[in-house]
C-alpha cells in the first residue's frame, strides 16, 4: 500500500478493493482501550451520515487487537472513499501564486456548507473543519 498522508493520529494509505478494484483511503491509527467506545460512536456516525455527496463515503472499519504482552497499542483501520486530489490545503500550496480564484473559493465554501448543513440537520457537529480535512472529489 502507498502512504498518501500522515497526521496526528496515524497514516493514510491508498488501497484497492480486491474484487471491485475501487480505490480506498485506509487510515491506520493506534488506539487504547479507553478510546474504543468513543471511536465506535464516531464510526456509527460515519455509517449513518456519509451517504451525502459532500461527505467522504465510509466503507468499513475494524480494530486489530494486539497482545498486551507486545507493548503496542491496538490499531483502528478505517476504510473510506479515496479522494485523489488531496486536501484543499495541498491544492492551494500547489497552485501558482498560492491562491485560488474567487469563483473556486465560493464553490468550495458552498460545498463545505452543504455537507455541514446535512450534519447539523441530524444534530451532528464536525468539530474539526480545516483545509487539511477538506478533500475535493
N, C-alpha and C. Protein backbone atom coordinates (compact mmCIF):
# COMPACT_ATOMS: atom_id res chain seq x y z
N UNK A 1 0.84 -1.18 0.00
CA UNK A 1 0.00 0.00 0.00
C UNK A 1 0.88 1.24 0.00
N UNK A 2 0.41 2.25 -0.69
CA UNK A 2 1.15 3.52 -0.81
C UNK A 2 0.69 4.50 0.27
N UNK A 3 1.63 5.09 1.00
CA UNK A 3 1.30 6.11 2.00
C UNK A 3 0.93 7.40 1.27
N UNK A 4 -0.27 7.94 1.55
CA UNK A 4 -0.70 9.18 0.90
C UNK A 4 -0.85 10.32 1.89
N UNK A 5 -0.68 10.04 3.18
CA UNK A 5 -0.79 11.10 4.17
C UNK A 5 -0.38 10.63 5.55
N UNK A 6 0.09 11.57 6.34
CA UNK A 6 0.45 11.29 7.72
C UNK A 6 -0.14 12.40 8.57
N UNK A 7 -0.82 12.01 9.64
CA UNK A 7 -1.44 13.00 10.51
C UNK A 7 -1.10 12.75 11.95
N UNK A 8 -1.76 13.49 12.81
CA UNK A 8 -1.55 13.38 14.25
C UNK A 8 -1.86 11.98 14.75
N UNK A 9 -2.89 11.36 14.17
CA UNK A 9 -3.38 10.09 14.70
C UNK A 9 -2.90 8.86 13.95
N UNK A 10 -2.21 9.03 12.85
CA UNK A 10 -1.73 7.86 12.13
C UNK A 10 -1.43 8.16 10.68
N UNK A 11 -1.33 7.09 9.90
CA UNK A 11 -1.02 7.24 8.47
C UNK A 11 -2.22 6.84 7.64
N UNK A 12 -2.28 7.43 6.43
CA UNK A 12 -3.34 7.10 5.48
C UNK A 12 -2.67 6.46 4.26
N UNK A 13 -3.24 5.33 3.85
CA UNK A 13 -2.71 4.58 2.71
C UNK A 13 -3.74 4.56 1.59
N UNK A 14 -3.24 4.45 0.37
CA UNK A 14 -4.11 4.25 -0.78
C UNK A 14 -4.19 2.75 -1.02
N UNK A 15 -5.41 2.24 -1.00
CA UNK A 15 -5.60 0.81 -1.22
C UNK A 15 -6.60 0.57 -2.34
N UNK A 16 -6.79 -0.69 -2.67
CA UNK A 16 -7.72 -1.04 -3.74
C UNK A 16 -8.51 -2.28 -3.31
N UNK A 17 -9.82 -2.21 -3.47
CA UNK A 17 -10.68 -3.35 -3.15
C UNK A 17 -10.36 -4.49 -4.11
N UNK A 18 -10.13 -5.67 -3.58
CA UNK A 18 -9.68 -6.80 -4.39
C UNK A 18 -10.70 -7.17 -5.47
N UNK A 19 -11.98 -7.22 -5.12
CA UNK A 19 -13.00 -7.66 -6.09
C UNK A 19 -13.44 -6.55 -7.04
N UNK A 20 -13.68 -5.35 -6.51
CA UNK A 20 -14.22 -4.27 -7.35
C UNK A 20 -13.14 -3.40 -7.98
N UNK A 21 -11.91 -3.49 -7.48
CA UNK A 21 -10.79 -2.65 -7.93
C UNK A 21 -10.99 -1.17 -7.61
N UNK A 22 -11.98 -0.85 -6.78
CA UNK A 22 -12.24 0.54 -6.38
C UNK A 22 -11.16 1.01 -5.41
N UNK A 23 -10.66 2.25 -5.63
CA UNK A 23 -9.66 2.82 -4.73
C UNK A 23 -10.30 3.19 -3.40
N UNK A 24 -9.52 3.12 -2.33
CA UNK A 24 -9.99 3.47 -1.00
C UNK A 24 -8.86 4.10 -0.20
N UNK A 25 -9.23 4.95 0.75
CA UNK A 25 -8.26 5.50 1.71
C UNK A 25 -8.35 4.65 2.96
N UNK A 26 -7.21 4.18 3.44
CA UNK A 26 -7.17 3.33 4.64
C UNK A 26 -6.35 4.06 5.68
N UNK A 27 -7.03 4.51 6.72
CA UNK A 27 -6.36 5.24 7.80
C UNK A 27 -6.11 4.27 8.94
N UNK A 28 -4.86 4.15 9.36
CA UNK A 28 -4.48 3.24 10.43
C UNK A 28 -4.01 4.07 11.62
N UNK A 29 -4.71 3.91 12.75
CA UNK A 29 -4.42 4.71 13.94
C UNK A 29 -4.19 3.81 15.14
N UNK A 30 -3.22 4.16 15.95
CA UNK A 30 -3.01 3.47 17.22
C UNK A 30 -4.04 3.97 18.22
N UNK A 31 -4.67 3.05 18.94
CA UNK A 31 -5.69 3.43 19.92
C UNK A 31 -5.47 2.64 21.20
N UNK A 32 -6.05 3.15 22.29
CA UNK A 32 -6.01 2.39 23.54
C UNK A 32 -7.44 2.03 23.94
N UNK A 33 -7.58 1.18 24.93
CA UNK A 33 -8.90 0.68 25.34
C UNK A 33 -9.85 1.80 25.73
N UNK A 34 -9.34 2.84 26.37
CA UNK A 34 -10.20 3.94 26.82
C UNK A 34 -10.86 4.66 25.64
N UNK A 35 -10.23 4.65 24.48
CA UNK A 35 -10.75 5.36 23.31
C UNK A 35 -11.76 4.54 22.51
N UNK A 36 -11.82 3.24 22.74
CA UNK A 36 -12.61 2.36 21.88
C UNK A 36 -14.09 2.71 21.83
N UNK A 37 -14.72 3.02 22.96
CA UNK A 37 -16.15 3.34 22.96
C UNK A 37 -16.44 4.60 22.16
N UNK A 38 -15.62 5.63 22.35
CA UNK A 38 -15.81 6.88 21.60
C UNK A 38 -15.60 6.64 20.11
N UNK A 39 -14.62 5.83 19.76
CA UNK A 39 -14.34 5.52 18.36
C UNK A 39 -15.52 4.78 17.74
N UNK A 40 -16.09 3.83 18.47
CA UNK A 40 -17.25 3.09 17.96
C UNK A 40 -18.43 4.03 17.70
N UNK A 41 -18.62 5.02 18.57
CA UNK A 41 -19.70 6.01 18.36
C UNK A 41 -19.42 6.83 17.10
N UNK A 42 -18.18 7.24 16.90
CA UNK A 42 -17.84 8.02 15.71
C UNK A 42 -18.00 7.20 14.44
N UNK A 43 -17.64 5.92 14.50
CA UNK A 43 -17.82 5.04 13.34
C UNK A 43 -19.30 4.90 13.01
N UNK A 44 -20.15 4.77 14.03
CA UNK A 44 -21.59 4.68 13.79
C UNK A 44 -22.12 5.95 13.14
N UNK A 45 -21.59 7.12 13.52
CA UNK A 45 -21.98 8.37 12.87
C UNK A 45 -21.54 8.37 11.41
N UNK A 46 -20.32 7.92 11.14
CA UNK A 46 -19.86 7.84 9.75
C UNK A 46 -20.77 6.95 8.93
N UNK A 47 -21.14 5.79 9.47
CA UNK A 47 -22.04 4.87 8.77
C UNK A 47 -23.35 5.56 8.42
N UNK A 48 -23.89 6.32 9.36
CA UNK A 48 -25.21 6.93 9.18
C UNK A 48 -25.20 8.13 8.24
N UNK A 49 -24.14 8.93 8.25
CA UNK A 49 -24.20 10.23 7.57
C UNK A 49 -23.25 10.38 6.39
N UNK A 50 -22.49 9.37 6.04
CA UNK A 50 -21.51 9.54 4.96
C UNK A 50 -22.09 9.29 3.58
N UNK A 51 -23.40 9.11 3.49
CA UNK A 51 -24.01 8.87 2.18
C UNK A 51 -24.47 10.17 1.52
N UNK A 52 -23.90 11.27 1.94
CA UNK A 52 -24.18 12.58 1.36
C UNK A 52 -23.05 12.91 0.39
N UNK A 53 -23.36 13.56 -0.70
CA UNK A 53 -22.35 13.80 -1.75
C UNK A 53 -21.19 14.68 -1.29
N UNK A 54 -21.35 15.41 -0.18
CA UNK A 54 -20.27 16.28 0.30
C UNK A 54 -19.54 15.71 1.51
N UNK A 55 -19.75 14.43 1.79
CA UNK A 55 -19.08 13.77 2.90
C UNK A 55 -18.46 12.49 2.36
N UNK A 56 -17.17 12.27 2.65
CA UNK A 56 -16.48 11.07 2.15
C UNK A 56 -17.23 9.82 2.61
N UNK A 57 -17.40 8.88 1.69
CA UNK A 57 -18.17 7.66 1.97
C UNK A 57 -17.37 6.71 2.85
N UNK A 58 -18.04 6.22 3.87
CA UNK A 58 -17.48 5.23 4.79
C UNK A 58 -17.68 3.84 4.18
N UNK A 59 -16.62 3.03 4.12
CA UNK A 59 -16.72 1.67 3.60
C UNK A 59 -16.65 0.62 4.70
N UNK A 60 -15.89 0.87 5.74
CA UNK A 60 -15.79 -0.12 6.81
C UNK A 60 -14.67 0.22 7.77
N UNK A 61 -14.64 -0.54 8.88
CA UNK A 61 -13.60 -0.33 9.89
C UNK A 61 -13.47 -1.58 10.73
N UNK A 62 -12.30 -1.76 11.29
CA UNK A 62 -12.13 -2.82 12.28
C UNK A 62 -10.99 -2.45 13.21
N UNK A 63 -11.02 -3.05 14.38
CA UNK A 63 -9.96 -2.83 15.37
C UNK A 63 -9.11 -4.09 15.41
N UNK A 64 -7.82 -3.91 15.15
CA UNK A 64 -6.88 -5.02 15.23
C UNK A 64 -6.34 -5.07 16.66
N UNK A 65 -6.73 -6.12 17.37
CA UNK A 65 -6.28 -6.29 18.75
C UNK A 65 -4.87 -6.88 18.75
N UNK A 66 -3.98 -6.26 19.48
CA UNK A 66 -2.62 -6.77 19.60
C UNK A 66 -2.44 -7.32 21.01
N UNK A 67 -1.65 -8.37 21.18
CA UNK A 67 -1.45 -8.94 22.52
C UNK A 67 -0.90 -7.90 23.48
N UNK A 68 -1.44 -7.87 24.70
CA UNK A 68 -0.97 -6.87 25.68
C UNK A 68 0.51 -7.05 25.98
N UNK A 69 1.02 -8.25 25.77
CA UNK A 69 2.44 -8.51 26.02
C UNK A 69 3.34 -7.88 24.96
N UNK A 70 2.75 -7.47 23.82
CA UNK A 70 3.56 -6.88 22.74
C UNK A 70 4.03 -5.47 23.09
N UNK A 71 3.35 -4.82 24.05
CA UNK A 71 3.70 -3.45 24.42
C UNK A 71 3.22 -2.43 23.41
N UNK A 72 2.43 -2.86 22.42
CA UNK A 72 1.93 -1.95 21.39
C UNK A 72 0.43 -1.70 21.59
N UNK A 73 -0.03 -0.57 21.06
CA UNK A 73 -1.45 -0.24 21.11
C UNK A 73 -2.21 -1.05 20.06
N UNK A 74 -3.53 -1.23 20.29
CA UNK A 74 -4.38 -1.79 19.26
C UNK A 74 -4.43 -0.79 18.11
N UNK A 75 -4.88 -1.26 16.93
CA UNK A 75 -4.96 -0.37 15.77
C UNK A 75 -6.38 -0.32 15.23
N UNK A 76 -6.83 0.89 14.90
CA UNK A 76 -8.09 1.07 14.19
C UNK A 76 -7.76 1.23 12.72
N UNK A 77 -8.40 0.42 11.88
CA UNK A 77 -8.28 0.53 10.44
C UNK A 77 -9.61 1.09 9.94
N UNK A 78 -9.58 2.29 9.36
CA UNK A 78 -10.77 2.97 8.88
C UNK A 78 -10.67 3.08 7.36
N UNK A 79 -11.66 2.53 6.65
CA UNK A 79 -11.63 2.49 5.19
C UNK A 79 -12.72 3.41 4.65
N UNK A 80 -12.29 4.38 3.83
CA UNK A 80 -13.22 5.37 3.30
C UNK A 80 -12.93 5.66 1.83
N UNK A 81 -13.82 6.44 1.24
CA UNK A 81 -13.66 6.88 -0.14
C UNK A 81 -12.30 7.54 -0.33
N UNK A 82 -11.62 7.18 -1.42
CA UNK A 82 -10.33 7.80 -1.74
C UNK A 82 -10.57 9.07 -2.54
N UNK A 83 -10.06 10.18 -2.06
CA UNK A 83 -10.18 11.47 -2.74
C UNK A 83 -8.80 11.82 -3.27
N UNK A 84 -8.53 11.47 -4.50
CA UNK A 84 -7.19 11.52 -5.07
C UNK A 84 -6.60 12.90 -5.29
N UNK A 85 -7.41 13.95 -5.19
CA UNK A 85 -6.88 15.30 -5.44
C UNK A 85 -6.08 15.86 -4.28
N UNK A 86 -6.15 15.22 -3.13
CA UNK A 86 -5.50 15.77 -1.94
C UNK A 86 -6.42 16.76 -1.25
N UNK A 87 -5.93 17.37 -0.21
CA UNK A 87 -6.75 18.31 0.57
C UNK A 87 -6.76 19.69 -0.08
N UNK A 88 -7.68 20.53 0.38
CA UNK A 88 -7.73 21.91 -0.10
C UNK A 88 -6.43 22.63 0.24
N UNK A 89 -5.86 22.35 1.40
CA UNK A 89 -4.58 22.96 1.78
C UNK A 89 -3.50 22.61 0.75
N UNK A 90 -3.42 21.33 0.37
CA UNK A 90 -2.43 20.91 -0.64
C UNK A 90 -2.71 21.56 -1.98
N UNK A 91 -3.99 21.65 -2.35
CA UNK A 91 -4.37 22.26 -3.62
C UNK A 91 -3.89 23.71 -3.69
N UNK A 92 -4.11 24.46 -2.61
CA UNK A 92 -3.70 25.87 -2.58
C UNK A 92 -2.17 25.98 -2.64
N UNK A 93 -1.46 25.14 -1.87
CA UNK A 93 0.01 25.17 -1.88
C UNK A 93 0.56 24.89 -3.27
N UNK A 94 -0.12 24.02 -4.02
CA UNK A 94 0.37 23.63 -5.34
C UNK A 94 -0.13 24.53 -6.47
N UNK A 95 -0.94 25.53 -6.14
CA UNK A 95 -1.47 26.44 -7.14
C UNK A 95 -0.50 27.60 -7.34
N UNK A 96 -0.29 27.96 -8.59
CA UNK A 96 0.61 29.07 -8.89
C UNK A 96 0.14 30.32 -8.15
N UNK A 97 1.03 30.93 -7.41
CA UNK A 97 0.69 32.12 -6.63
C UNK A 97 0.10 31.80 -5.27
N UNK A 98 -0.17 30.52 -5.01
CA UNK A 98 -0.68 30.11 -3.70
C UNK A 98 -2.08 30.61 -3.37
N UNK A 99 -2.88 30.89 -4.41
CA UNK A 99 -4.25 31.33 -4.15
C UNK A 99 -5.18 30.79 -5.23
N UNK A 100 -6.47 30.79 -4.93
CA UNK A 100 -7.48 30.32 -5.86
C UNK A 100 -8.35 31.49 -6.31
N UNK A 101 -8.99 31.34 -7.45
CA UNK A 101 -9.92 32.36 -7.94
C UNK A 101 -11.13 32.42 -7.01
N UNK A 102 -11.73 33.59 -6.93
CA UNK A 102 -12.88 33.78 -6.05
C UNK A 102 -14.01 32.81 -6.37
N UNK A 103 -14.22 32.52 -7.66
CA UNK A 103 -15.30 31.61 -8.05
C UNK A 103 -15.07 30.21 -7.47
N UNK A 104 -13.81 29.77 -7.46
CA UNK A 104 -13.48 28.45 -6.90
C UNK A 104 -13.66 28.45 -5.39
N UNK A 105 -13.23 29.54 -4.76
CA UNK A 105 -13.37 29.64 -3.31
C UNK A 105 -14.85 29.60 -2.94
N UNK A 106 -15.68 30.35 -3.68
CA UNK A 106 -17.12 30.37 -3.40
C UNK A 106 -17.72 28.98 -3.58
N UNK A 107 -17.31 28.28 -4.65
CA UNK A 107 -17.83 26.92 -4.90
C UNK A 107 -17.43 25.97 -3.77
N UNK A 108 -16.16 26.01 -3.38
CA UNK A 108 -15.67 25.13 -2.31
C UNK A 108 -16.41 25.42 -1.01
N UNK A 109 -16.57 26.70 -0.68
CA UNK A 109 -17.29 27.06 0.55
C UNK A 109 -18.73 26.57 0.51
N UNK A 110 -19.38 26.72 -0.64
CA UNK A 110 -20.78 26.26 -0.78
C UNK A 110 -20.88 24.76 -0.55
N UNK A 111 -19.94 24.00 -1.12
CA UNK A 111 -19.97 22.54 -0.96
C UNK A 111 -19.69 22.13 0.49
N UNK A 112 -18.74 22.81 1.14
CA UNK A 112 -18.47 22.52 2.56
C UNK A 112 -19.72 22.79 3.38
N UNK A 113 -20.37 23.93 3.13
CA UNK A 113 -21.56 24.29 3.89
C UNK A 113 -22.71 23.32 3.64
N UNK A 114 -22.82 22.79 2.42
CA UNK A 114 -23.86 21.77 2.15
C UNK A 114 -23.63 20.52 2.99
N UNK A 115 -22.37 20.08 3.08
CA UNK A 115 -22.06 18.92 3.92
C UNK A 115 -22.32 19.19 5.39
N UNK A 116 -21.92 20.38 5.86
CA UNK A 116 -22.16 20.74 7.26
C UNK A 116 -23.66 20.86 7.55
N UNK A 117 -24.42 21.40 6.61
CA UNK A 117 -25.87 21.52 6.81
C UNK A 117 -26.49 20.14 6.99
N UNK A 118 -26.02 19.16 6.21
CA UNK A 118 -26.51 17.78 6.35
C UNK A 118 -26.23 17.26 7.75
N UNK A 119 -25.02 17.47 8.24
CA UNK A 119 -24.67 17.02 9.59
C UNK A 119 -25.49 17.75 10.64
N UNK A 120 -25.58 19.07 10.53
CA UNK A 120 -26.29 19.87 11.53
C UNK A 120 -27.78 19.52 11.56
N UNK A 121 -28.35 19.22 10.39
CA UNK A 121 -29.76 18.82 10.34
C UNK A 121 -29.99 17.55 11.16
N UNK A 122 -28.94 16.74 11.29
CA UNK A 122 -29.01 15.50 12.05
C UNK A 122 -28.36 15.63 13.44
N UNK A 123 -28.21 16.88 13.89
CA UNK A 123 -27.66 17.18 15.22
C UNK A 123 -26.24 16.65 15.43
N UNK A 124 -25.43 16.70 14.37
CA UNK A 124 -24.03 16.28 14.45
C UNK A 124 -23.16 17.52 14.23
N UNK A 125 -22.16 17.70 15.09
CA UNK A 125 -21.21 18.80 14.96
C UNK A 125 -19.86 18.21 14.56
N UNK A 126 -19.24 18.75 13.52
CA UNK A 126 -17.99 18.20 12.99
C UNK A 126 -16.81 18.43 13.94
N UNK A 127 -16.60 19.60 14.43
CA UNK A 127 -15.57 19.98 15.40
C UNK A 127 -14.14 20.06 14.88
N UNK A 128 -13.90 19.80 13.59
CA UNK A 128 -12.52 19.87 13.10
C UNK A 128 -12.47 20.28 11.63
N UNK A 129 -13.16 21.37 11.30
CA UNK A 129 -13.15 21.85 9.92
C UNK A 129 -11.86 22.64 9.70
N UNK A 130 -11.08 22.18 8.74
CA UNK A 130 -9.85 22.88 8.35
C UNK A 130 -9.45 22.37 6.97
N UNK A 131 -8.58 23.11 6.32
CA UNK A 131 -8.19 22.77 4.95
C UNK A 131 -7.66 21.36 4.79
N UNK A 132 -6.94 20.86 5.80
CA UNK A 132 -6.38 19.50 5.72
C UNK A 132 -7.47 18.42 5.77
N UNK A 133 -8.69 18.78 6.20
CA UNK A 133 -9.78 17.82 6.30
C UNK A 133 -10.83 17.99 5.22
N UNK A 134 -10.56 18.85 4.24
CA UNK A 134 -11.50 19.06 3.13
C UNK A 134 -10.84 18.49 1.87
N UNK A 135 -11.49 17.48 1.28
CA UNK A 135 -10.94 16.78 0.12
C UNK A 135 -11.91 16.83 -1.05
N UNK A 136 -11.59 17.61 -2.08
CA UNK A 136 -12.47 17.63 -3.25
C UNK A 136 -12.41 16.28 -3.99
N UNK A 137 -13.53 15.91 -4.57
CA UNK A 137 -13.57 14.64 -5.32
C UNK A 137 -13.75 14.92 -6.80
